[in-house]
Amino acid sequence: MIAVIAKMNVKQGSEPKFEKSMLALVSKVNKNEPGVIFYGLCRDSGGNYLVMELYEDEAAVQHHVNSDHLKAAGPSFKGIMAGPPEIQRYEVLEQK
């Protein structure tokens, strides 16, 4: 399994628009990507956002990256982001 954590850099004052756009994307990912185990938007008490992602394998990650709904969502984030996401990728270690 592959885990991805994406810290989202949202412009101050753009949080409501960001949440609306991101939650729409979360719904599409979860409905249309069978290799996704978990894909969710999280917010801490300071108003910082991250997306937690868990995929079955590399093929599922590539399907997500190349999905039409991810590409189509791009314009909805224009003007509301303070910078690109900070992405960390992990291999999930499984006990055998």
PDB file of N, CA and C in Angstrom:
ATOM      1  N   MET A   1       0.843  -1.185   0.000  1.00  0.00           N
ATOM      2  CA  MET A   1       0.000   0.000   0.000  1.00  0.00           C
ATOM      3  C   MET A   1       0.885   1.245   0.000  1.00  0.00           C
ATOM      4  N   ILE A   2       0.314   2.307  -0.501  1.00  0.00           N
ATOM      5  CA  ILE A   2       1.016   3.585  -0.576  1.00  0.00           C
ATOM      6  C   ILE A   2       0.166   4.649   0.116  1.00  0.00           C
ATOM      7  N   ALA A   3       0.801   5.398   1.011  1.00  0.00           N
ATOM      8  CA  ALA A   3       0.136   6.502   1.699  1.00  0.00           C
ATOM      9  C   ALA A   3       0.720   7.810   1.192  1.00  0.00           C
ATOM     10  N   VAL A   4      -0.150   8.788   1.015  1.00  0.00           N
ATOM     11  CA  VAL A   4       0.269  10.123   0.590  1.00  0.00           C
ATOM     12  C   VAL A   4      -0.393  11.131   1.520  1.00  0.00           C
ATOM     13  N   ILE A   5       0.392  12.097   1.954  1.00  0.00           N
ATOM     14  CA  ILE A   5      -0.140  13.210   2.739  1.00  0.00           C
ATOM     15  C   ILE A   5       0.212  14.479   1.978  1.00  0.00           C
ATOM     16  N   ALA A   6      -0.805  15.254   1.645  1.00  0.00           N
ATOM     17  CA  ALA A   6      -0.605  16.493   0.900  1.00  0.00           C
ATOM     18  C   ALA A   6      -1.052  17.671   1.761  1.00  0.00           C
ATOM     19  N   LYS A   7      -0.079  18.475   2.201  1.00  0.00           N
ATOM     20  CA  LYS A   7      -0.401  19.688   2.949  1.00  0.00           C
ATOM     21  C   LYS A   7      -0.853  20.728   1.937  1.00  0.00           C
ATOM     22  N   MET A   8      -2.042  21.254   2.132  1.00  0.00           N
ATOM     23  CA  MET A   8      -2.639  22.195   1.194  1.00  0.00           C
ATOM     24  C   MET A   8      -2.417  23.618   1.685  1.00  0.00           C
ATOM     25  N   ASN A   9      -1.823  24.443   0.846  1.00  0.00           N
ATOM     26  CA  ASN A   9      -1.510  25.829   1.186  1.00  0.00           C
ATOM     27  C   ASN A   9      -2.595  26.750   0.625  1.00  0.00           C
ATOM     28  N   VAL A  10      -3.551  27.064   1.471  1.00  0.00           N
ATOM     29  CA  VAL A  10      -4.737  27.834   1.076  1.00  0.00           C
ATOM     30  C   VAL A  10      -4.551  29.303   1.452  1.00  0.00           C
ATOM     31  N   LYS A  11      -4.893  30.198   0.518  1.00  0.00           N
ATOM     32  CA  LYS A  11      -4.836  31.634   0.813  1.00  0.00           C
ATOM     33  C   LYS A  11      -5.825  31.972   1.919  1.00  0.00           C
ATOM     34  N   GLN A  12      -5.369  32.808   2.826  1.00  0.00           N
ATOM     35  CA  GLN A  12      -6.239  33.257   3.912  1.00  0.00           C
ATOM     36  C   GLN A  12      -7.471  33.947   3.323  1.00  0.00           C
ATOM     37  N   GLY A  13      -8.642  33.582   3.826  1.00  0.00           N
ATOM     38  CA  GLY A  13      -9.900  34.135   3.341  1.00  0.00           C
ATOM     39  C   GLY A  13     -10.543  33.303   2.242  1.00  0.00           C
ATOM     40  N   SER A  14      -9.813  32.317   1.724  1.00  0.00           N
ATOM     41  CA  SER A  14     -10.331  31.466   0.644  1.00  0.00           C
ATOM     42  C   SER A  14     -10.789  30.096   1.143  1.00  0.00           C
ATOM     43  N   GLU A  15     -10.815  29.925   2.442  1.00  0.00           N
ATOM     44  CA  GLU A  15     -11.125  28.611   3.008  1.00  0.00           C
ATOM     45  C   GLU A  15     -12.486  28.052   2.576  1.00  0.00           C
ATOM     46  N   PRO A  16     -13.567  28.849   2.611  1.00  0.00           N
ATOM     47  CA  PRO A  16     -14.861  28.277   2.202  1.00  0.00           C
ATOM     48  C   PRO A  16     -14.864  27.789   0.743  1.00  0.00           C
ATOM     49  N   LYS A  17     -14.280  28.556  -0.152  1.00  0.00           N
ATOM     50  CA  LYS A  17     -14.232  28.148  -1.557  1.00  0.00           C
ATOM     51  C   LYS A  17     -13.344  26.913  -1.724  1.00  0.00           C
ATOM     52  N   PHE A  18     -12.213  26.893  -1.009  1.00  0.00           N
ATOM     53  CA  PHE A  18     -11.330  25.737  -1.062  1.00  0.00           C
ATOM     54  C   PHE A  18     -12.060  24.482  -0.591  1.00  0.00           C
ATOM     55  N   GLU A  19     -12.722  24.562   0.558  1.00  0.00           N
ATOM     56  CA  GLU A  19     -13.416  23.392   1.098  1.00  0.00           C
ATOM     57  C   GLU A  19     -14.474  22.880   0.114  1.00  0.00           C
ATOM     58  N   LYS A  20     -15.222  23.791  -0.490  1.00  0.00           N
ATOM     59  CA  LYS A  20     -16.252  23.378  -1.441  1.00  0.00           C
ATOM     60  C   LYS A  20     -15.625  22.643  -2.625  1.00  0.00           C
ATOM     61  N   SER A  21     -14.568  23.201  -3.195  1.00  0.00           N
ATOM     62  CA  SER A  21     -13.901  22.580  -4.343  1.00  0.00           C
ATOM     63  C   SER A  21     -13.240  21.266  -3.967  1.00  0.00           C
ATOM     64  N   MET A  22     -12.570  21.249  -2.831  1.00  0.00           N
ATOM     65  CA  MET A  22     -11.841  20.046  -2.424  1.00  0.00           C
ATOM     66  C   MET A  22     -12.789  18.923  -2.053  1.00  0.00           C
ATOM     67  N   LEU A  23     -13.869  19.235  -1.359  1.00  0.00           N
ATOM     68  CA  LEU A  23     -14.818  18.188  -0.981  1.00  0.00           C
ATOM     69  C   LEU A  23     -15.536  17.607  -2.198  1.00  0.00           C
ATOM     70  N   ALA A  24     -15.743  18.421  -3.219  1.00  0.00           N
ATOM     71  CA  ALA A  24     -16.313  17.904  -4.469  1.00  0.00           C
ATOM     72  C   ALA A  24     -15.339  16.918  -5.109  1.00  0.00           C
ATOM     73  N   LEU A  25     -14.048  17.252  -5.092  1.00  0.00           N
ATOM     74  CA  LEU A  25     -13.036  16.353  -5.633  1.00  0.00           C
ATOM     75  C   LEU A  25     -12.958  15.075  -4.799  1.00  0.00           C
ATOM     76  N   VAL A  26     -12.972  15.191  -3.489  1.00  0.00           N
ATOM     77  CA  VAL A  26     -12.932  14.019  -2.603  1.00  0.00           C
ATOM     78  C   VAL A  26     -14.059  13.058  -2.958  1.00  0.00           C
ATOM     79  N   SER A  27     -15.241  13.585  -3.161  1.00  0.00           N
ATOM     80  CA  SER A  27     -16.386  12.743  -3.518  1.00  0.00           C
ATOM     81  C   SER A  27     -16.147  12.007  -4.830  1.00  0.00           C
ATOM     82  N   LYS A  28     -15.631  12.713  -5.827  1.00  0.00           N
ATOM     83  CA  LYS A  28     -15.383  12.087  -7.138  1.00  0.00           C
ATOM     84  C   LYS A  28     -14.302  11.020  -7.053  1.00  0.00           C
ATOM     85  N   VAL A  29     -13.255  11.303  -6.305  1.00  0.00           N
ATOM     86  CA  VAL A  29     -12.180  10.323  -6.153  1.00  0.00           C
ATOM     87  C   VAL A  29     -12.728   9.058  -5.505  1.00  0.00           C
ATOM     88  N   ASN A  30     -13.462   9.219  -4.409  1.00  0.00           N
ATOM     89  CA  ASN A  30     -13.963   8.048  -3.686  1.00  0.00           C
ATOM     90  C   ASN A  30     -14.996   7.259  -4.483  1.00  0.00           C
ATOM     91  N   LYS A  31     -15.735   7.912  -5.360  1.00  0.00           N
ATOM     92  CA  LYS A  31     -16.748   7.217  -6.166  1.00  0.00           C
ATOM     93  C   LYS A  31     -16.175   6.573  -7.417  1.00  0.00           C
ATOM     94  N   ASN A  32     -15.062   7.097  -7.937  1.00  0.00           N
ATOM     95  CA  ASN A  32     -14.592   6.693  -9.261  1.00  0.00           C
ATOM     96  C   ASN A  32     -13.234   6.007  -9.307  1.00  0.00           C
ATOM     97  N   GLU A  33     -12.590   5.822  -8.171  1.00  0.00           N
ATOM     98  CA  GLU A  33     -11.254   5.231  -8.178  1.00  0.00           C
ATOM     99  C   GLU A  33     -11.220   3.990  -7.277  1.00  0.00           C
ATOM    100  N   PRO A  34     -11.377   2.817  -7.881  1.00  0.00           N
ATOM    101  CA  PRO A  34     -11.458   1.593  -7.081  1.00  0.00           C
ATOM    102  C   PRO A  34     -10.198   1.261  -6.290  1.00  0.00           C
ATOM    103  N   GLY A  35      -9.031   1.750  -6.682  1.00  0.00           N
ATOM    104  CA  GLY A  35      -7.798   1.460  -5.952  1.00  0.00           C
ATOM    105  C   GLY A  35      -7.550   2.364  -4.758  1.00  0.00           C
ATOM    106  N   VAL A  36      -8.470   3.296  -4.518  1.00  0.00           N
ATOM    107  CA  VAL A  36      -8.341   4.203  -3.384  1.00  0.00           C
ATOM    108  C   VAL A  36      -8.973   3.561  -2.152  1.00  0.00           C
ATOM    109  N   ILE A  37      -8.176   3.412  -1.108  1.00  0.00           N
ATOM    110  CA  ILE A  37      -8.684   2.872   0.153  1.00  0.00           C
ATOM    111  C   ILE A  37      -9.258   4.000   1.000  1.00  0.00           C
ATOM    112  N   PHE A  38      -8.564   5.141   1.006  1.00  0.00           N
ATOM    113  CA  PHE A  38      -9.040   6.316   1.740  1.00  0.00           C
ATOM    114  C   PHE A  38      -8.540   7.568   1.044  1.00  0.00           C
ATOM    115  N   TYR A  39      -9.408   8.549   0.918  1.00  0.00           N
ATOM    116  CA  TYR A  39      -9.052   9.856   0.360  1.00  0.00           C
ATOM    117  C   TYR A  39      -9.936  10.866   1.072  1.00  0.00           C
ATOM    118  N   GLY A  40      -9.335  11.695   1.934  1.00  0.00           N
ATOM    119  CA  GLY A  40     -10.144  12.612   2.715  1.00  0.00           C
ATOM    120  C   GLY A  40      -9.440  13.918   3.027  1.00  0.00           C
ATOM    121  N   LEU A  41     -10.229  14.953   3.177  1.00  0.00           N
ATOM    122  CA  LEU A  41      -9.749  16.282   3.543  1.00  0.00           C
ATOM    123  C   LEU A  41      -9.807  16.426   5.055  1.00  0.00           C
ATOM    124  N   CYS A  42      -8.718  16.923   5.632  1.00  0.00           N
ATOM    125  CA  CYS A  42      -8.625  17.126   7.076  1.00  0.00           C
ATOM    126  C   CYS A  42      -8.242  18.571   7.361  1.00  0.00           C
ATOM    127  N   ARG A  43      -8.715  19.071   8.517  1.00  0.00           N
ATOM    128  CA  ARG A  43      -8.384  20.439   8.945  1.00  0.00           C
ATOM    129  C   ARG A  43      -8.045  20.393  10.427  1.00  0.00           C
ATOM    130  N   ASP A  44      -6.946  21.034  10.814  1.00  0.00           N
ATOM    131  CA  ASP A  44      -6.591  21.065  12.233  1.00  0.00           C
ATOM    132  C   ASP A  44      -7.223  22.282  12.906  1.00  0.00           C
ATOM    133  N   SER A  45      -7.003  22.418  14.210  1.00  0.00           N
ATOM    134  CA  SER A  45      -7.627  23.500  14.976  1.00  0.00           C
ATOM    135  C   SER A  45      -7.109  24.874  14.576  1.00  0.00           C
ATOM    136  N   GLY A  46      -5.967  24.927  13.893  1.00  0.00           N
ATOM    137  CA  GLY A  46      -5.417  26.200  13.426  1.00  0.00           C
ATOM    138  C   GLY A  46      -5.872  26.583  12.028  1.00  0.00           C
ATOM    139  N   GLY A  47      -6.732  25.744  11.420  1.00  0.00           N
ATOM    140  CA  GLY A  47      -7.243  26.035  10.086  1.00  0.00           C
ATOM    141  C   GLY A  47      -6.338  25.571   8.956  1.00  0.00           C
ATOM    142  N   ASN A  48      -5.376  24.700   9.270  1.00  0.00           N
ATOM    143  CA  ASN A  48      -4.483  24.158   8.245  1.00  0.00           C
ATOM    144  C   ASN A  48      -5.105  22.893   7.652  1.00  0.00           C
ATOM    145  N   TYR A  49      -4.909  22.702   6.347  1.00  0.00           N
ATOM    146  CA  TYR A  49      -5.528  21.582   5.649  1.00  0.00           C
ATOM    147  C   TYR A  49      -4.500  20.576   5.163  1.00  0.00           C
ATOM    148  N   LEU A  50      -4.914  19.321   5.154  1.00  0.00           N
ATOM    149  CA  LEU A  50      -4.148  18.302   4.458  1.00  0.00           C
ATOM    150  C   LEU A  50      -5.114  17.279   3.889  1.00  0.00           C
ATOM    151  N   VAL A  51      -4.639  16.608   2.857  1.00  0.00           N
ATOM    152  CA  VAL A  51      -5.388  15.522   2.255  1.00  0.00           C
ATOM    153  C   VAL A  51      -4.646  14.243   2.603  1.00  0.00           C
ATOM    154  N   MET A  52      -5.374  13.305   3.212  1.00  0.00           N
ATOM    155  CA  MET A  52      -4.819  11.995   3.526  1.00  0.00           C
ATOM    156  C   MET A  52      -5.282  11.033   2.446  1.00  0.00           C
ATOM    157  N   GLU A  53      -4.323  10.273   1.899  1.00  0.00           N
ATOM    158  CA  GLU A  53      -4.612   9.379   0.788  1.00  0.00           C
ATOM    159  C   GLU A  53      -3.988   8.013   1.068  1.00  0.00           C
ATOM    160  N   LEU A  54      -4.735   6.961   0.772  1.00  0.00           N
ATOM    161  CA  LEU A  54      -4.218   5.608   0.916  1.00  0.00           C
ATOM    162  C   LEU A  54      -4.642   4.815  -0.311  1.00  0.00           C
ATOM    163  N   TYR A  55      -3.655   4.240  -0.990  1.00  0.00           N
ATOM    164  CA  TYR A  55      -3.882   3.530  -2.247  1.00  0.00           C
ATOM    165  C   TYR A  55      -3.441   2.073  -2.125  1.00  0.00           C
ATOM    166  N   GLU A  56      -4.100   1.202  -2.874  1.00  0.00           N
ATOM    167  CA  GLU A  56      -3.741  -0.211  -2.870  1.00  0.00           C
ATOM    168  C   GLU A  56      -2.338  -0.442  -3.407  1.00  0.00           C
ATOM    169  N   ASP A  57      -1.974   0.286  -4.477  1.00  0.00           N
ATOM    170  CA  ASP A  57      -0.694   0.053  -5.137  1.00  0.00           C
ATOM    171  C   ASP A  57      -0.338   1.235  -6.041  1.00  0.00           C
ATOM    172  N   GLU A  58       0.799   1.120  -6.711  1.00  0.00           N
ATOM    173  CA  GLU A  58       1.272   2.197  -7.589  1.00  0.00           C
ATOM    174  C   GLU A  58       0.309   2.447  -8.745  1.00  0.00           C
ATOM    175  N   ALA A  59      -0.310   1.399  -9.260  1.00  0.00           N
ATOM    176  CA  ALA A  59      -1.270   1.568 -10.357  1.00  0.00           C
ATOM    177  C   ALA A  59      -2.423   2.470  -9.927  1.00  0.00           C
ATOM    178  N   ALA A  60      -2.881   2.329  -8.692  1.00  0.00           N
ATOM    179  CA  ALA A  60      -3.973   3.169  -8.182  1.00  0.00           C
ATOM    180  C   ALA A  60      -3.523   4.625  -8.054  1.00  0.00           C
ATOM    181  N   VAL A  61      -2.273   4.838  -7.639  1.00  0.00           N
ATOM    182  CA  VAL A  61      -1.737   6.203  -7.550  1.00  0.00           C
ATOM    183  C   VAL A  61      -1.715   6.832  -8.934  1.00  0.00           C
ATOM    184  N   GLN A  62      -1.214   6.094  -9.914  1.00  0.00           N
ATOM    185  CA  GLN A  62      -1.127   6.625 -11.275  1.00  0.00           C
ATOM    186  C   GLN A  62      -2.514   6.882 -11.865  1.00  0.00           C
ATOM    187  N   HIS A  63      -3.461   6.010 -11.560  1.00  0.00           N
ATOM    188  CA  HIS A  63      -4.839   6.227 -12.023  1.00  0.00           C
ATOM    189  C   HIS A  63      -5.367   7.539 -11.454  1.00  0.00           C
ATOM    190  N   HIS A  64      -5.091   7.790 -10.181  1.00  0.00           N
ATOM    191  CA  HIS A  64      -5.546   9.031  -9.545  1.00  0.00           C
ATOM    192  C   HIS A  64      -4.901  10.245 -10.210  1.00  0.00           C
ATOM    193  N   VAL A  65      -3.586  10.205 -10.359  1.00  0.00           N
ATOM    194  CA  VAL A  65      -2.846  11.346 -10.920  1.00  0.00           C
ATOM    195  C   VAL A  65      -3.319  11.672 -12.334  1.00  0.00           C
ATOM    196  N   ASN A  66      -3.695  10.660 -13.094  1.00  0.00           N
ATOM    197  CA  ASN A  66      -4.091  10.852 -14.486  1.00  0.00           C
ATOM    198  C   ASN A  66      -5.602  10.910 -14.698  1.00  0.00           C
ATOM    199  N   SER A  67      -6.374  10.923 -13.619  1.00  0.00           N
ATOM    200  CA  SER A  67      -7.835  10.891 -13.746  1.00  0.00           C
ATOM    201  C   SER A  67      -8.387  12.197 -14.327  1.00  0.00           C
ATOM    202  N   ASP A  68      -9.433  12.056 -15.100  1.00  0.00           N
ATOM    203  CA  ASP A  68     -10.083  13.224 -15.700  1.00  0.00           C
ATOM    204  C   ASP A  68     -10.651  14.158 -14.638  1.00  0.00           C
ATOM    205  N   HIS A  69     -11.228  13.595 -13.560  1.00  0.00           N
ATOM    206  CA  HIS A  69     -11.832  14.461 -12.539  1.00  0.00           C
ATOM    207  C   HIS A  69     -10.769  15.258 -11.781  1.00  0.00           C
ATOM    208  N   LEU A  70      -9.556  14.711 -11.617  1.00  0.00           N
ATOM    209  CA  LEU A  70      -8.496  15.478 -10.967  1.00  0.00           C
ATOM    210  C   LEU A  70      -8.053  16.629 -11.871  1.00  0.00           C
ATOM    211  N   LYS A  71      -7.881  16.330 -13.146  1.00  0.00           N
ATOM    212  CA  LYS A  71      -7.502  17.373 -14.105  1.00  0.00           C
ATOM    213  C   LYS A  71      -8.582  18.445 -14.216  1.00  0.00           C
ATOM    214  N   ALA A  72      -9.843  18.033 -14.231  1.00  0.00           N
ATOM    215  CA  ALA A  72     -10.956  18.978 -14.353  1.00  0.00           C
ATOM    216  C   ALA A  72     -11.097  19.860 -13.114  1.00  0.00           C
ATOM    217  N   ALA A  73     -10.655  19.371 -11.960  1.00  0.00           N
ATOM    218  CA  ALA A  73     -10.781  20.138 -10.711  1.00  0.00           C
ATOM    219  C   ALA A  73      -9.773  21.284 -10.639  1.00  0.00           C
ATOM    220  N   GLY A  74      -8.691  21.195 -11.374  1.00  0.00           N
ATOM    221  CA  GLY A  74      -7.630  22.202 -11.303  1.00  0.00           C
ATOM    222  C   GLY A  74      -8.092  23.639 -11.357  1.00  0.00           C
ATOM    223  N   PRO A  75      -8.906  24.019 -12.341  1.00  0.00           N
ATOM    224  CA  PRO A  75      -9.341  25.414 -12.423  1.00  0.00           C
ATOM    225  C   PRO A  75     -10.136  25.909 -11.207  1.00  0.00           C
ATOM    226  N   SER A  76     -10.795  25.012 -10.489  1.00  0.00           N
ATOM    227  CA  SER A  76     -11.580  25.449  -9.328  1.00  0.00           C
ATOM    228  C   SER A  76     -10.691  25.913  -8.173  1.00  0.00           C
ATOM    229  N   PHE A  77      -9.391  25.605  -8.240  1.00  0.00           N
ATOM    230  CA  PHE A  77      -8.464  26.019  -7.191  1.00  0.00           C
ATOM    231  C   PHE A  77      -7.673  27.274  -7.571  1.00  0.00           C
ATOM    232  N   LYS A  78      -7.884  27.758  -8.782  1.00  0.00           N
ATOM    233  CA  LYS A  78      -7.152  28.944  -9.247  1.00  0.00           C
ATOM    234  C   LYS A  78      -7.512  30.162  -8.386  1.00  0.00           C
ATOM    235  N   GLY A  79      -6.488  30.838  -7.896  1.00  0.00           N
ATOM    236  CA  GLY A  79      -6.688  32.050  -7.117  1.00  0.00           C
ATOM    237  C   GLY A  79      -6.950  31.835  -5.639  1.00  0.00           C
ATOM    238  N   ILE A  80      -7.092  30.582  -5.205  1.00  0.00           N
ATOM    239  CA  ILE A  80      -7.381  30.339  -3.789  1.00  0.00           C
ATOM    240  C   ILE A  80      -6.233  29.620  -3.076  1.00  0.00           C
ATOM    241  N   MET A  81      -5.212  29.268  -3.826  1.00  0.00           N
ATOM    242  CA  MET A  81      -4.083  28.563  -3.226  1.00  0.00           C
ATOM    243  C   MET A  81      -2.913  29.527  -3.041  1.00  0.00           C
ATOM    244  N   ALA A  82      -2.213  29.384  -1.914  1.00  0.00           N
ATOM    245  CA  ALA A  82      -1.048  30.222  -1.623  1.00  0.00           C
ATOM    246  C   ALA A  82       0.230  29.599  -2.191  1.00  0.00           C
ATOM    247  N   GLY A  83       0.119  28.399  -2.705  1.00  0.00           N
ATOM    248  CA  GLY A  83       1.264  27.698  -3.273  1.00  0.00           C
ATOM    249  C   GLY A  83       0.871  26.267  -3.559  1.00  0.00           C
ATOM    250  N   PRO A  84       1.776  25.512  -4.170  1.00  0.00           N
ATOM    251  CA  PRO A  84       1.460  24.119  -4.481  1.00  0.00           C
ATOM    252  C   PRO A  84       1.390  23.278  -3.207  1.00  0.00           C
ATOM    253  N   PRO A  85       0.710  22.140  -3.279  1.00  0.00           N
ATOM    254  CA  PRO A  85       0.678  21.266  -2.102  1.00  0.00           C
ATOM    255  C   PRO A  85       2.072  20.726  -1.786  1.00  0.00           C
ATOM    256  N   GLU A  86       2.302  20.484  -0.520  1.00  0.00           N
ATOM    257  CA  GLU A  86       3.549  19.855  -0.073  1.00  0.00           C
ATOM    258  C   GLU A  86       3.233  18.381   0.121  1.00  0.00           C
ATOM    259  N   ILE A  87       3.790  17.552  -0.759  1.00  0.00           N
ATOM    260  CA  ILE A  87       3.395  16.143  -0.809  1.00  0.00           C
ATOM    261  C   ILE A  87       4.474  15.257  -0.206  1.00  0.00           C
ATOM    262  N   GLN A  88       4.032  14.369   0.675  1.00  0.00           N
ATOM    263  CA  GLN A  88       4.904  13.349   1.243  1.00  0.00           C
ATOM    264  C   GLN A  88       4.299  11.998   0.894  1.00  0.00           C
ATOM    265  N   ARG A  89       5.155  11.084   0.498  1.00  0.00           N
ATOM    266  CA  ARG A  89       4.710   9.766   0.074  1.00  0.00           C
ATOM    267  C   ARG A  89       5.386   8.715   0.951  1.00  0.00           C
ATOM    268  N   TYR A  90       4.622   7.694   1.334  1.00  0.00           N
ATOM    269  CA  TYR A  90       5.127   6.660   2.222  1.00  0.00           C
ATOM    270  C   TYR A  90       4.734   5.281   1.703  1.00  0.00           C
ATOM    271  N   GLU A  91       5.573   4.308   1.982  1.00  0.00           N
ATOM    272  CA  GLU A  91       5.208   2.912   1.771  1.00  0.00           C
ATOM    273  C   GLU A  91       4.620   2.426   3.080  1.00  0.00           C
ATOM    274  N   VAL A  92       3.457   1.810   3.023  1.00  0.00           N
ATOM    275  CA  VAL A  92       2.830   1.269   4.225  1.00  0.00           C
ATOM    276  C   VAL A  92       3.457  -0.087   4.493  1.00  0.00           C
ATOM    277  N   LEU A  93       4.026  -0.236   5.670  1.00  0.00           N
ATOM    278  CA  LEU A  93       4.646  -1.497   6.049  1.00  0.00           C
ATOM    279  C   LEU A  93       3.592  -2.407   6.654  1.00  0.00           C
ATOM    280  N   GLU A  94       3.531  -3.598   6.135  1.00  0.00           N
ATOM    281  CA  GLU A  94       2.513  -4.543   6.597  1.00  0.00           C
ATOM    282  C   GLU A  94       3.177  -5.683   7.353  1.00  0.00           C
ATOM    283  N   GLN A  95       2.567  -6.047   8.444  1.00  0.00           N
ATOM    284  CA  GLN A  95       3.048  -7.192   9.218  1.00  0.00           C
ATOM    285  C   GLN A  95       2.655  -8.459   8.488  1.00  0.00           C
ATOM    286  N   LYS A  96       3.574  -9.382   8.376  1.00  0.00           N
ATOM    287  CA  LYS A  96       3.290 -10.634   7.665  1.00  0.00           C
ATOM    288  C   LYS A  96       3.198 -11.787   8.604  1.00  0.00           C
TER     289      LYS A  96
END
